[in-house]
Amino acid sequence: MSNPVTRQLYGQVNRGVLVADDGNNTDVYHVDNDNSSTRFGLKGKAEISNDLAIGTKIEVQFESNSTADVNQNNKRNASADNFTQRHLDFWIESETLGKLSIGQGDTASNGTAEVDLSGTDLIGYSSVSDMAGGILFYNNTTQSLSTTKVGSAFSNMDGMSRDDRVRYDTPDFSGFYASSSFIADDAIDLAIRYSGKFPGFKLAGALAYAWPENTKNFDGQVSGSLSLLLNCGFSATFAAGGRDYDTAGRDDSNYYYGKLGYQWKPFSIGPTAISIDYGNFNDIALNDDDGDTFGIQFVQKVSDWSTEFYMGYRLYELESTGTNYEDINALMTGARFKF
């Protein structure tokens, strides 16, 4: 008797309006929210036995005017006009032996800087550049736009992203599990994750180290995050990371990020979440760069519509030796529909 194969088609559309003020001009952009891009995918799974399953995940994204790409010189048609790969993955999993994944997909360290139980990560989380990553800083010294964009000065160092790799995840041990992946061009990473519920609260966290070899411009990277959600609705999230450079004259870079949030249900349509956050980012793009960011987030879920409405504000400040940058103020509102 053959085992049935289950299939799941899923996806989402996430569109918004971004208003960005670079200190000289204010522009309005119609964007795809890079915090959680427009995408669709297909999952397949076959149960081989009570303890063994195999499956696949194919997922692509198509962003029109991604917030990672639009800027003052490129206000429309800013993103690639085609599908881009996210997951092209084959896996085999046993509850007693763990999970082996082969193909394009999450490396072991991907997501370790982004554990967030606040309910507002759709509009703001440790990857603070996602809201306005393509926007260029205005240089007061030269009275012109610089070539420095938000995305190059603010990075949450979230592991090795997605790549062609072989990844292994251990079984769950009391909420803990470890992962490792062997990535193209001899890069390697290791990670450990935890998620658990206790009387009165939920706790989740992750920590990873990556050796990128020749795939990145740095030599080693640590990333981690921890998030606490109380049953009363209050949450606290912390993330931090650092990069090592062996390049002569290049300072190591680091950052830390914190968020406080609150979730409740004032309306019958679904939960409401609000939060505030702050991050400090040092030597990310260049030596002696010092970046600070402050944000406010709001998300309203409409459960019956499978939709979330959101609004967020973020301030980006960047100090750099010999350059006087204006602050960037960004405001975005939009909605995500999932199916």
C-alpha atoms as a PDB file:
ATOM      1  CA  MET A   1       0.000   0.000   0.000  1.00  0.00           C
ATOM      2  CA  SER A   2       1.492   3.338  -1.054  1.00  0.00           C
ATOM      3  CA  ASN A   3       1.777   6.213   1.380  1.00  0.00           C
ATOM      4  CA  PRO A   4      -0.184   9.326   0.404  1.00  0.00           C
ATOM      5  CA  VAL A   5       1.710  12.476  -0.490  1.00  0.00           C
ATOM      6  CA  THR A   6       0.333  15.685   0.963  1.00  0.00           C
ATOM      7  CA  ARG A   7       0.676  18.989  -0.901  1.00  0.00           C
ATOM      8  CA  GLN A   8       0.302  22.542   0.307  1.00  0.00           C
ATOM      9  CA  LEU A   9       0.183  25.674  -1.828  1.00  0.00           C
ATOM     10  CA  TYR A  10       0.751  28.858   0.148  1.00  0.00           C
ATOM     11  CA  GLY A  11       1.747  32.458  -0.307  1.00  0.00           C
ATOM     12  CA  GLN A  12       1.319  36.081   0.638  1.00  0.00           C
ATOM     13  CA  VAL A  13       1.116  39.584  -0.801  1.00  0.00           C
ATOM     14  CA  ASN A  14       2.593  42.392   1.290  1.00  0.00           C
ATOM     15  CA  ARG A  15       2.169  45.897  -0.075  1.00  0.00           C
ATOM     16  CA  GLY A  16       2.684  49.272   1.529  1.00  0.00           C
ATOM     17  CA  VAL A  17       3.306  52.989   1.133  1.00  0.00           C
ATOM     18  CA  LEU A  18       6.658  54.316   2.372  1.00  0.00           C
ATOM     19  CA  VAL A  19       7.260  57.990   3.123  1.00  0.00           C
ATOM     20  CA  ALA A  20      10.937  58.821   3.608  1.00  0.00           C
ATOM     21  CA  ASP A  21      12.503  62.176   4.543  1.00  0.00           C
ATOM     22  CA  ASP A  22      16.281  62.350   4.030  1.00  0.00           C
ATOM     23  CA  GLY A  23      16.614  65.788   5.643  1.00  0.00           C
ATOM     24  CA  ASN A  24      16.541  67.531   2.282  1.00  0.00           C
ATOM     25  CA  ASN A  25      13.505  66.102   0.496  1.00  0.00           C
ATOM     26  CA  THR A  26      10.500  63.950   1.336  1.00  0.00           C
ATOM     27  CA  ASP A  27       9.459  61.237  -1.127  1.00  0.00           C
ATOM     28  CA  VAL A  28       6.571  58.773  -1.307  1.00  0.00           C
ATOM     29  CA  TYR A  29       7.160  55.223  -2.566  1.00  0.00           C
ATOM     30  CA  HIS A  30       4.729  52.407  -3.405  1.00  0.00           C
ATOM     31  CA  VAL A  31       6.563  49.359  -2.125  1.00  0.00           C
ATOM     32  CA  ASP A  32       6.755  45.685  -1.361  1.00  0.00           C
ATOM     33  CA  ASN A  33       7.554  45.360   2.336  1.00  0.00           C
ATOM     34  CA  ASP A  34      10.951  43.643   2.563  1.00  0.00           C
ATOM     35  CA  ASN A  35      10.285  42.782   6.234  1.00  0.00           C
ATOM     36  CA  SER A  36       8.180  39.939   4.771  1.00  0.00           C
ATOM     37  CA  SER A  37       8.218  39.952   0.972  1.00  0.00           C
ATOM     38  CA  THR A  38       5.494  38.975  -1.492  1.00  0.00           C
ATOM     39  CA  ARG A  39       5.984  35.268  -2.280  1.00  0.00           C
ATOM     40  CA  PHE A  40       4.387  31.921  -2.929  1.00  0.00           C
ATOM     41  CA  GLY A  41       5.462  28.332  -2.473  1.00  0.00           C
ATOM     42  CA  LEU A  42       4.625  24.655  -2.599  1.00  0.00           C
ATOM     43  CA  LYS A  43       5.316  22.051   0.078  1.00  0.00           C
ATOM     44  CA  GLY A  44       5.163  18.300  -0.442  1.00  0.00           C
ATOM     45  CA  LYS A  45       5.444  15.568   2.177  1.00  0.00           C
ATOM     46  CA  ALA A  46       5.298  11.772   2.218  1.00  0.00           C
ATOM     47  CA  GLU A  47       5.024   9.730   5.434  1.00  0.00           C
ATOM     48  CA  ILE A  48       7.301   6.731   4.962  1.00  0.00           C
ATOM     49  CA  SER A  49       6.692   5.289   8.424  1.00  0.00           C
ATOM     50  CA  ASN A  50       5.649   6.392  11.886  1.00  0.00           C
ATOM     51  CA  ASP A  51       9.158   7.809  12.400  1.00  0.00           C
ATOM     52  CA  LEU A  52      10.259   8.807   8.909  1.00  0.00           C
ATOM     53  CA  ALA A  53       9.089  11.396   6.383  1.00  0.00           C
ATOM     54  CA  ILE A  54      10.534  13.000   3.261  1.00  0.00           C
ATOM     55  CA  GLY A  55       9.494  16.199   1.609  1.00  0.00           C
ATOM     56  CA  THR A  56      10.297  19.266  -0.399  1.00  0.00           C
ATOM     57  CA  LYS A  57       9.791  23.013  -0.259  1.00  0.00           C
ATOM     58  CA  ILE A  58       9.813  25.267  -3.307  1.00  0.00           C
ATOM     59  CA  GLU A  59       9.408  28.980  -2.584  1.00  0.00           C
ATOM     60  CA  VAL A  60      10.013  32.059  -4.737  1.00  0.00           C
ATOM     61  CA  GLN A  61       9.448  35.757  -4.249  1.00  0.00           C
ATOM     62  CA  PHE A  62       8.526  38.553  -6.659  1.00  0.00           C
ATOM     63  CA  GLU A  63       9.012  42.024  -5.212  1.00  0.00           C
ATOM     64  CA  SER A  64       7.879  45.109  -7.094  1.00  0.00           C
ATOM     65  CA  ASN A  65       9.668  48.148  -5.653  1.00  0.00           C
ATOM     66  CA  SER A  66      11.108  46.417  -2.612  1.00  0.00           C
ATOM     67  CA  THR A  67      11.856  48.663   0.363  1.00  0.00           C
ATOM     68  CA  ALA A  68      15.400  47.271   0.076  1.00  0.00           C
ATOM     69  CA  ASP A  69      15.792  48.809  -3.394  1.00  0.00           C
ATOM     70  CA  VAL A  70      13.793  52.031  -3.822  1.00  0.00           C
ATOM     71  CA  ASN A  71      15.634  55.297  -3.206  1.00  0.00           C
ATOM     72  CA  GLN A  72      15.660  58.966  -4.171  1.00  0.00           C
ATOM     73  CA  ASN A  73      17.154  58.185  -7.598  1.00  0.00           C
ATOM     74  CA  ASN A  74      15.120  55.051  -8.260  1.00  0.00           C
ATOM     75  CA  LYS A  75      11.495  55.488  -7.231  1.00  0.00           C
ATOM     76  CA  ARG A  76       9.870  52.888  -9.463  1.00  0.00           C
ATOM     77  CA  ASN A  77      10.801  49.603 -11.163  1.00  0.00           C
ATOM     78  CA  ALA A  78      13.549  49.375  -8.556  1.00  0.00           C
ATOM     79  CA  SER A  79      13.518  45.602  -8.033  1.00  0.00           C
ATOM     80  CA  ALA A  80      14.285  42.697 -10.361  1.00  0.00           C
ATOM     81  CA  ASP A  81      11.401  42.057 -12.765  1.00  0.00           C
ATOM     82  CA  ASN A  82      11.399  38.317 -12.185  1.00  0.00           C
ATOM     83  CA  PHE A  83      10.998  35.589  -9.583  1.00  0.00           C
ATOM     84  CA  THR A  84      13.948  35.065  -7.262  1.00  0.00           C
ATOM     85  CA  GLN A  85      14.622  31.852  -5.373  1.00  0.00           C
ATOM     86  CA  ARG A  86      14.127  31.446  -1.643  1.00  0.00           C
ATOM     87  CA  HIS A  87      13.800  27.677  -1.140  1.00  0.00           C
ATOM     88  CA  LEU A  88      14.484  24.782  -3.508  1.00  0.00           C
ATOM     89  CA  ASP A  89      14.847  22.157  -0.850  1.00  0.00           C
ATOM     90  CA  PHE A  90      14.647  18.404  -0.292  1.00  0.00           C
ATOM     91  CA  TRP A  91      14.561  16.967   3.227  1.00  0.00           C
ATOM     92  CA  ILE A  92      14.268  13.718   5.143  1.00  0.00           C
ATOM     93  CA  GLU A  93      13.261  13.724   8.826  1.00  0.00           C
ATOM     94  CA  SER A  94      13.100  11.279  11.712  1.00  0.00           C
ATOM     95  CA  GLU A  95      11.838  12.157  15.175  1.00  0.00           C
ATOM     96  CA  THR A  96      14.613  10.073  16.711  1.00  0.00           C
ATOM     97  CA  LEU A  97      17.483  10.888  14.326  1.00  0.00           C
ATOM     98  CA  GLY A  98      16.781  14.483  13.261  1.00  0.00           C
ATOM     99  CA  LYS A  99      16.382  16.231   9.917  1.00  0.00           C
ATOM    100  CA  LEU A 100      18.677  16.363   6.874  1.00  0.00           C
ATOM    101  CA  SER A 101      18.072  19.071   4.265  1.00  0.00           C
ATOM    102  CA  ILE A 102      19.745  19.355   0.865  1.00  0.00           C
ATOM    103  CA  GLY A 103      19.439  22.219  -1.605  1.00  0.00           C
ATOM    104  CA  GLN A 104      18.702  25.942  -1.549  1.00  0.00           C
ATOM    105  CA  GLY A 105      17.269  26.901   1.825  1.00  0.00           C
ATOM    106  CA  ASP A 106      17.926  28.297   5.270  1.00  0.00           C
ATOM    107  CA  THR A 107      21.442  27.822   6.555  1.00  0.00           C
ATOM    108  CA  ALA A 108      21.713  26.751  10.187  1.00  0.00           C
ATOM    109  CA  SER A 109      22.451  30.309  11.329  1.00  0.00           C
ATOM    110  CA  ASN A 110      19.710  32.023   9.317  1.00  0.00           C
ATOM    111  CA  GLY A 111      17.078  33.583  11.579  1.00  0.00           C
ATOM    112  CA  THR A 112      19.154  33.353  14.757  1.00  0.00           C
ATOM    113  CA  ALA A 113      19.225  37.157  15.093  1.00  0.00           C
ATOM    114  CA  GLU A 114      15.484  37.438  14.481  1.00  0.00           C
ATOM    115  CA  VAL A 115      13.660  35.545  17.234  1.00  0.00           C
ATOM    116  CA  ASP A 116      10.821  37.933  18.105  1.00  0.00           C
ATOM    117  CA  LEU A 117       7.610  37.192  20.038  1.00  0.00           C
ATOM    118  CA  SER A 118       6.300  40.778  19.990  1.00  0.00           C
ATOM    119  CA  GLY A 119       3.766  40.264  17.207  1.00  0.00           C
ATOM    120  CA  THR A 120       5.101  43.334  15.366  1.00  0.00           C
ATOM    121  CA  ASP A 121       8.040  41.888  13.413  1.00  0.00           C
ATOM    122  CA  LEU A 122       5.993  42.386  10.233  1.00  0.00           C
ATOM    123  CA  ILE A 123       6.867  46.093  10.376  1.00  0.00           C
ATOM    124  CA  GLY A 124       9.895  46.217  12.672  1.00  0.00           C
ATOM    125  CA  TYR A 125      12.446  43.781  14.118  1.00  0.00           C
ATOM    126  CA  SER A 126      16.203  43.436  14.515  1.00  0.00           C
ATOM    127  CA  SER A 127      16.755  43.799  10.755  1.00  0.00           C
ATOM    128  CA  VAL A 128      15.998  47.499  11.109  1.00  0.00           C
ATOM    129  CA  SER A 129      17.063  48.338   7.550  1.00  0.00           C
ATOM    130  CA  ASP A 130      14.222  46.338   5.978  1.00  0.00           C
ATOM    131  CA  MET A 131      11.775  49.248   6.188  1.00  0.00           C
ATOM    132  CA  ALA A 132      13.912  51.650   4.132  1.00  0.00           C
ATOM    133  CA  GLY A 133      17.093  49.813   3.198  1.00  0.00           C
ATOM    134  CA  GLY A 134      17.547  51.472  -0.184  1.00  0.00           C
ATOM    135  CA  ILE A 135      17.157  55.089   0.961  1.00  0.00           C
ATOM    136  CA  LEU A 136      20.363  57.155   0.595  1.00  0.00           C
ATOM    137  CA  PHE A 137      21.716  59.424   3.309  1.00  0.00           C
ATOM    138  CA  TYR A 138      21.978  63.116   2.447  1.00  0.00           C
ATOM    139  CA  ASN A 139      25.503  64.504   2.891  1.00  0.00           C
ATOM    140  CA  ASN A 140      25.387  67.951   4.458  1.00  0.00           C
ATOM    141  CA  THR A 141      29.094  68.461   3.786  1.00  0.00           C
ATOM    142  CA  THR A 142      28.681  68.238   0.003  1.00  0.00           C
ATOM    143  CA  GLN A 143      25.005  69.295  -0.040  1.00  0.00           C
ATOM    144  CA  SER A 144      24.145  66.232  -2.106  1.00  0.00           C
ATOM    145  CA  LEU A 145      22.958  62.650  -1.816  1.00  0.00           C
ATOM    146  CA  SER A 146      25.657  60.250  -0.721  1.00  0.00           C
ATOM    147  CA  THR A 147      26.177  56.724  -2.028  1.00  0.00           C
ATOM    148  CA  THR A 148      25.615  55.321   1.477  1.00  0.00           C
ATOM    149  CA  LYS A 149      22.252  53.620   1.856  1.00  0.00           C
ATOM    150  CA  VAL A 150      20.504  52.544   5.047  1.00  0.00           C
ATOM    151  CA  GLY A 151      20.979  48.856   4.189  1.00  0.00           C
ATOM    152  CA  SER A 152      24.779  49.154   4.073  1.00  0.00           C
ATOM    153  CA  ALA A 153      25.076  50.954   7.417  1.00  0.00           C
ATOM    154  CA  PHE A 154      22.590  48.880   9.480  1.00  0.00           C
ATOM    155  CA  SER A 155      22.887  45.082   9.495  1.00  0.00           C
ATOM    156  CA  ASN A 156      21.632  42.563  12.074  1.00  0.00           C
ATOM    157  CA  MET A 157      24.286  40.048  10.962  1.00  0.00           C
ATOM    158  CA  ASP A 158      21.681  37.320  10.702  1.00  0.00           C
ATOM    159  CA  GLY A 159      23.814  34.307   9.940  1.00  0.00           C
ATOM    160  CA  MET A 160      24.441  33.101   6.402  1.00  0.00           C
ATOM    161  CA  SER A 161      20.947  33.724   5.041  1.00  0.00           C
ATOM    162  CA  ARG A 162      19.690  31.146   2.507  1.00  0.00           C
ATOM    163  CA  ASP A 163      22.142  29.276   0.281  1.00  0.00           C
ATOM    164  CA  ASP A 164      22.903  25.977  -1.414  1.00  0.00           C
ATOM    165  CA  ARG A 165      23.869  23.770   1.491  1.00  0.00           C
ATOM    166  CA  VAL A 166      23.578  20.474   3.336  1.00  0.00           C
ATOM    167  CA  ARG A 167      21.995  21.085   6.743  1.00  0.00           C
ATOM    168  CA  TYR A 168      21.425  18.826   9.714  1.00  0.00           C
ATOM    169  CA  ASP A 169      19.069  19.538  12.664  1.00  0.00           C
ATOM    170  CA  THR A 170      19.093  17.382  15.773  1.00  0.00           C
ATOM    171  CA  PRO A 171      15.871  16.109  17.333  1.00  0.00           C
ATOM    172  CA  ASP A 172      14.230  18.335  19.926  1.00  0.00           C
ATOM    173  CA  PHE A 173      15.561  17.877  23.464  1.00  0.00           C
ATOM    174  CA  SER A 174      13.290  19.609  25.996  1.00  0.00           C
ATOM    175  CA  GLY A 175      12.866  22.588  23.688  1.00  0.00           C
ATOM    176  CA  PHE A 176      16.500  22.719  22.499  1.00  0.00           C
ATOM    177  CA  TYR A 177      17.868  21.649  19.145  1.00  0.00           C
ATOM    178  CA  ALA A 178      21.159  22.237  17.340  1.00  0.00           C
ATOM    179  CA  SER A 179      21.920  22.727  13.649  1.00  0.00           C
ATOM    180  CA  SER A 180      24.873  22.820  11.315  1.00  0.00           C
ATOM    181  CA  SER A 181      25.207  23.430   7.603  1.00  0.00           C
ATOM    182  CA  PHE A 182      27.921  22.979   5.029  1.00  0.00           C
ATOM    183  CA  ILE A 183      27.530  25.687   2.433  1.00  0.00           C
ATOM    184  CA  ALA A 184      28.841  26.212  -1.080  1.00  0.00           C
ATOM    185  CA  ASP A 185      32.493  27.385  -1.216  1.00  0.00           C
ATOM    186  CA  ASP A 186      33.370  25.627   2.056  1.00  0.00           C
ATOM    187  CA  ALA A 187      31.452  27.936   4.408  1.00  0.00           C
ATOM    188  CA  ILE A 188      30.215  26.374   7.675  1.00  0.00           C
ATOM    189  CA  ASP A 189      27.877  27.483  10.454  1.00  0.00           C
ATOM    190  CA  LEU A 190      26.590  26.141  13.770  1.00  0.00           C
ATOM    191  CA  ALA A 191      23.475  27.143  15.715  1.00  0.00           C
ATOM    192  CA  ILE A 192      21.431  26.254  18.760  1.00  0.00           C
ATOM    193  CA  ARG A 193      17.782  27.216  19.332  1.00  0.00           C
ATOM    194  CA  TYR A 194      15.330  27.043  22.193  1.00  0.00           C
ATOM    195  CA  SER A 195      11.590  27.507  22.592  1.00  0.00           C
ATOM    196  CA  GLY A 196       9.568  26.712  25.689  1.00  0.00           C
ATOM    197  CA  LYS A 197       6.399  27.556  27.582  1.00  0.00           C
ATOM    198  CA  PHE A 198       6.285  28.050  31.329  1.00  0.00           C
ATOM    199  CA  PRO A 199       3.610  29.087  33.817  1.00  0.00           C
ATOM    200  CA  GLY A 200       2.996  32.728  32.936  1.00  0.00           C
ATOM    201  CA  PHE A 201       5.356  33.179  29.995  1.00  0.00           C
ATOM    202  CA  LYS A 202       6.938  31.885  26.779  1.00  0.00           C
ATOM    203  CA  LEU A 203      10.667  32.087  26.011  1.00  0.00           C
ATOM    204  CA  ALA A 204      12.518  31.616  22.720  1.00  0.00           C
ATOM    205  CA  GLY A 205      16.076  32.236  21.612  1.00  0.00           C
ATOM    206  CA  ALA A 206      18.869  31.329  19.214  1.00  0.00           C
ATOM    207  CA  LEU A 207      22.664  31.647  18.963  1.00  0.00           C
ATOM    208  CA  ALA A 208      24.970  30.922  16.012  1.00  0.00           C
ATOM    209  CA  TYR A 209      28.495  31.252  14.703  1.00  0.00           C
ATOM    210  CA  ALA A 210      29.419  31.252  11.018  1.00  0.00           C
ATOM    211  CA  TRP A 211      32.690  30.800   9.154  1.00  0.00           C
ATOM    212  CA  PRO A 212      31.942  32.202   5.663  1.00  0.00           C
ATOM    213  CA  GLU A 213      35.309  31.375   4.054  1.00  0.00           C
ATOM    214  CA  ASN A 214      35.223  33.106   0.643  1.00  0.00           C
ATOM    215  CA  THR A 215      31.488  33.769   0.480  1.00  0.00           C
ATOM    216  CA  LYS A 216      31.486  37.045   2.486  1.00  0.00           C
ATOM    217  CA  ASN A 217      33.801  39.991   3.109  1.00  0.00           C
ATOM    218  CA  PHE A 218      34.274  39.049   6.782  1.00  0.00           C
ATOM    219  CA  ASP A 219      35.994  36.093   8.448  1.00  0.00           C
ATOM    220  CA  GLY A 220      33.633  35.118  11.253  1.00  0.00           C
ATOM    221  CA  GLN A 221      30.278  36.157  12.609  1.00  0.00           C
ATOM    222  CA  VAL A 222      28.278  35.569  15.783  1.00  0.00           C
ATOM    223  CA  SER A 223      24.546  36.288  15.940  1.00  0.00           C
ATOM    224  CA  GLY A 224      21.879  35.730  18.557  1.00  0.00           C
ATOM    225  CA  SER A 225      18.509  36.830  19.906  1.00  0.00           C
ATOM    226  CA  LEU A 226      16.232  36.191  22.859  1.00  0.00           C
ATOM    227  CA  SER A 227      12.538  36.999  23.256  1.00  0.00           C
ATOM    228  CA  LEU A 228      10.186  36.771  26.234  1.00  0.00           C
ATOM    229  CA  LEU A 229       6.369  36.953  26.050  1.00  0.00           C
ATOM    230  CA  LEU A 230       4.351  37.163  29.265  1.00  0.00           C
ATOM    231  CA  ASN A 231       0.821  35.776  29.391  1.00  0.00           C
ATOM    232  CA  CYS A 232      -0.408  39.279  30.226  1.00  0.00           C
ATOM    233  CA  GLY A 233       0.779  40.442  26.784  1.00  0.00           C
ATOM    234  CA  PHE A 234       4.021  42.269  27.543  1.00  0.00           C
ATOM    235  CA  SER A 235       7.127  41.199  25.642  1.00  0.00           C
ATOM    236  CA  ALA A 236      10.846  41.975  25.605  1.00  0.00           C
ATOM    237  CA  THR A 237      13.258  41.115  22.807  1.00  0.00           C
ATOM    238  CA  PHE A 238      17.046  41.462  22.546  1.00  0.00           C
ATOM    239  CA  ALA A 239      19.427  40.754  19.669  1.00  0.00           C
ATOM    240  CA  ALA A 240      23.150  41.267  19.151  1.00  0.00           C
ATOM    241  CA  GLY A 241      25.953  40.248  16.832  1.00  0.00           C
ATOM    242  CA  GLY A 242      29.548  40.806  15.825  1.00  0.00           C
ATOM    243  CA  ARG A 243      31.827  40.314  12.833  1.00  0.00           C
ATOM    244  CA  ASP A 244      35.553  39.599  12.757  1.00  0.00           C
ATOM    245  CA  TYR A 245      37.759  40.946   9.964  1.00  0.00           C
ATOM    246  CA  ASP A 246      41.284  39.772   9.272  1.00  0.00           C
ATOM    247  CA  THR A 247      41.720  42.564   6.713  1.00  0.00           C
ATOM    248  CA  ALA A 248      44.474  44.944   7.756  1.00  0.00           C
ATOM    249  CA  GLY A 249      43.077  48.194   9.116  1.00  0.00           C
ATOM    250  CA  ARG A 250      39.459  46.978   9.253  1.00  0.00           C
ATOM    251  CA  ASP A 251      37.798  47.234  12.673  1.00  0.00           C
ATOM    252  CA  ASP A 252      35.480  44.488  13.862  1.00  0.00           C
ATOM    253  CA  SER A 253      31.801  45.471  13.714  1.00  0.00           C
ATOM    254  CA  ASN A 254      28.985  44.880  16.182  1.00  0.00           C
ATOM    255  CA  TYR A 255      25.448  45.863  17.104  1.00  0.00           C
ATOM    256  CA  TYR A 256      22.798  45.449  19.764  1.00  0.00           C
ATOM    257  CA  TYR A 257      19.026  45.802  19.523  1.00  0.00           C
ATOM    258  CA  GLY A 258      16.190  45.877  22.048  1.00  0.00           C
ATOM    259  CA  LYS A 259      12.390  45.970  21.822  1.00  0.00           C
ATOM    260  CA  LEU A 260       9.495  46.260  24.272  1.00  0.00           C
ATOM    261  CA  GLY A 261       6.010  45.277  23.166  1.00  0.00           C
ATOM    262  CA  TYR A 262       2.450  44.653  24.245  1.00  0.00           C
ATOM    263  CA  GLN A 263      -0.274  42.454  22.733  1.00  0.00           C
ATOM    264  CA  TRP A 264      -3.964  42.397  23.611  1.00  0.00           C
ATOM    265  CA  LYS A 265      -7.355  41.936  21.978  1.00  0.00           C
ATOM    266  CA  PRO A 266      -9.455  45.109  22.242  1.00  0.00           C
ATOM    267  CA  PHE A 267     -11.437  44.161  19.127  1.00  0.00           C
ATOM    268  CA  SER A 268     -13.153  40.894  18.216  1.00  0.00           C
ATOM    269  CA  ILE A 269     -11.539  40.897  14.742  1.00  0.00           C
ATOM    270  CA  GLY A 270      -8.159  39.779  16.079  1.00  0.00           C
ATOM    271  CA  PRO A 271      -5.177  40.652  18.285  1.00  0.00           C
ATOM    272  CA  THR A 272      -3.502  44.060  18.364  1.00  0.00           C
ATOM    273  CA  ALA A 273       0.242  44.513  18.941  1.00  0.00           C
ATOM    274  CA  ILE A 274       2.365  47.601  19.571  1.00  0.00           C
ATOM    275  CA  SER A 275       6.074  48.002  20.296  1.00  0.00           C
ATOM    276  CA  ILE A 276       9.021  50.369  20.487  1.00  0.00           C
ATOM    277  CA  ASP A 277      12.637  49.493  19.727  1.00  0.00           C
ATOM    278  CA  TYR A 278      16.171  50.854  19.638  1.00  0.00           C
ATOM    279  CA  GLY A 279      19.393  49.675  18.032  1.00  0.00           C
ATOM    280  CA  ASN A 280      23.038  50.736  17.920  1.00  0.00           C
ATOM    281  CA  PHE A 281      25.244  49.641  14.995  1.00  0.00           C
ATOM    282  CA  ASN A 282      29.011  50.188  14.900  1.00  0.00           C
ATOM    283  CA  ASP A 283      31.579  49.941  12.064  1.00  0.00           C
ATOM    284  CA  ILE A 284      29.121  48.140   9.763  1.00  0.00           C
ATOM    285  CA  ALA A 285      29.985  49.782   6.441  1.00  0.00           C
ATOM    286  CA  LEU A 286      33.191  51.612   7.400  1.00  0.00           C
ATOM    287  CA  ASN A 287      35.482  52.033  10.373  1.00  0.00           C
ATOM    288  CA  ASP A 288      34.151  54.491  12.960  1.00  0.00           C
ATOM    289  CA  ASP A 289      30.615  54.489  11.571  1.00  0.00           C
ATOM    290  CA  ASP A 290      28.097  54.815  14.414  1.00  0.00           C
ATOM    291  CA  GLY A 291      24.449  54.215  13.602  1.00  0.00           C
ATOM    292  CA  ASP A 292      21.450  54.591  15.905  1.00  0.00           C
ATOM    293  CA  THR A 293      17.828  53.790  15.165  1.00  0.00           C
ATOM    294  CA  PHE A 294      14.544  54.198  17.012  1.00  0.00           C
ATOM    295  CA  GLY A 295      11.218  52.726  15.928  1.00  0.00           C
ATOM    296  CA  ILE A 296       7.530  52.452  16.788  1.00  0.00           C
ATOM    297  CA  GLN A 297       5.362  49.610  15.441  1.00  0.00           C
ATOM    298  CA  PHE A 298       1.646  48.776  15.264  1.00  0.00           C
ATOM    299  CA  VAL A 299      -0.008  45.637  13.837  1.00  0.00           C
ATOM    300  CA  GLN A 300      -3.720  44.803  13.742  1.00  0.00           C
ATOM    301  CA  LYS A 301      -4.679  41.289  12.708  1.00  0.00           C
ATOM    302  CA  VAL A 302      -8.048  40.544  11.093  1.00  0.00           C
ATOM    303  CA  SER A 303      -8.264  36.792  11.589  1.00  0.00           C
ATOM    304  CA  ASP A 304     -11.274  36.089   9.348  1.00  0.00           C
ATOM    305  CA  TRP A 305      -9.605  37.896   6.446  1.00  0.00           C
ATOM    306  CA  SER A 306      -6.191  36.272   6.951  1.00  0.00           C
ATOM    307  CA  THR A 307      -4.869  39.837   6.843  1.00  0.00           C
ATOM    308  CA  GLU A 308      -2.662  42.042   8.995  1.00  0.00           C
ATOM    309  CA  PHE A 309      -2.680  45.839   8.779  1.00  0.00           C
ATOM    310  CA  TYR A 310       0.397  47.655  10.011  1.00  0.00           C
ATOM    311  CA  MET A 311       2.061  51.016  10.499  1.00  0.00           C
ATOM    312  CA  GLY A 312       5.569  51.842  11.593  1.00  0.00           C
ATOM    313  CA  TYR A 313       7.954  54.751  12.042  1.00  0.00           C
ATOM    314  CA  ARG A 314      11.741  54.589  12.113  1.00  0.00           C
ATOM    315  CA  LEU A 315      14.512  57.137  12.624  1.00  0.00           C
ATOM    316  CA  TYR A 316      17.998  56.404  11.251  1.00  0.00           C
ATOM    317  CA  GLU A 317      21.006  58.383  12.489  1.00  0.00           C
ATOM    318  CA  LEU A 318      24.500  57.804  11.089  1.00  0.00           C
ATOM    319  CA  GLU A 319      27.756  59.403  12.194  1.00  0.00           C
ATOM    320  CA  SER A 320      30.834  58.859  10.041  1.00  0.00           C
ATOM    321  CA  THR A 321      34.302  60.390  10.193  1.00  0.00           C
ATOM    322  CA  GLY A 322      34.594  63.395   7.877  1.00  0.00           C
ATOM    323  CA  THR A 323      30.945  63.253   6.784  1.00  0.00           C
ATOM    324  CA  ASN A 324      27.886  65.028   8.153  1.00  0.00           C
ATOM    325  CA  TYR A 325      24.806  62.957   7.329  1.00  0.00           C
ATOM    326  CA  GLU A 326      21.251  64.170   7.801  1.00  0.00           C
ATOM    327  CA  ASP A 327      18.918  61.859   9.726  1.00  0.00           C
ATOM    328  CA  ILE A 328      16.419  59.769   7.776  1.00  0.00           C
ATOM    329  CA  ASN A 329      12.811  59.574   8.963  1.00  0.00           C
ATOM    330  CA  ALA A 330      10.720  56.743   7.495  1.00  0.00           C
ATOM    331  CA  LEU A 331       7.006  56.037   7.898  1.00  0.00           C
ATOM    332  CA  MET A 332       5.322  53.015   6.324  1.00  0.00           C
ATOM    333  CA  THR A 333       1.811  51.617   6.341  1.00  0.00           C
ATOM    334  CA  GLY A 334       0.399  48.629   4.520  1.00  0.00           C
ATOM    335  CA  ALA A 335      -1.194  45.197   4.719  1.00  0.00           C
ATOM    336  CA  ARG A 336      -0.205  41.553   4.317  1.00  0.00           C
ATOM    337  CA  PHE A 337      -2.660  38.914   3.071  1.00  0.00           C
ATOM    338  CA  LYS A 338      -1.671  35.269   3.528  1.00  0.00           C
ATOM    339  CA  PHE A 339      -3.161  32.161   1.995  1.00  0.00           C
END
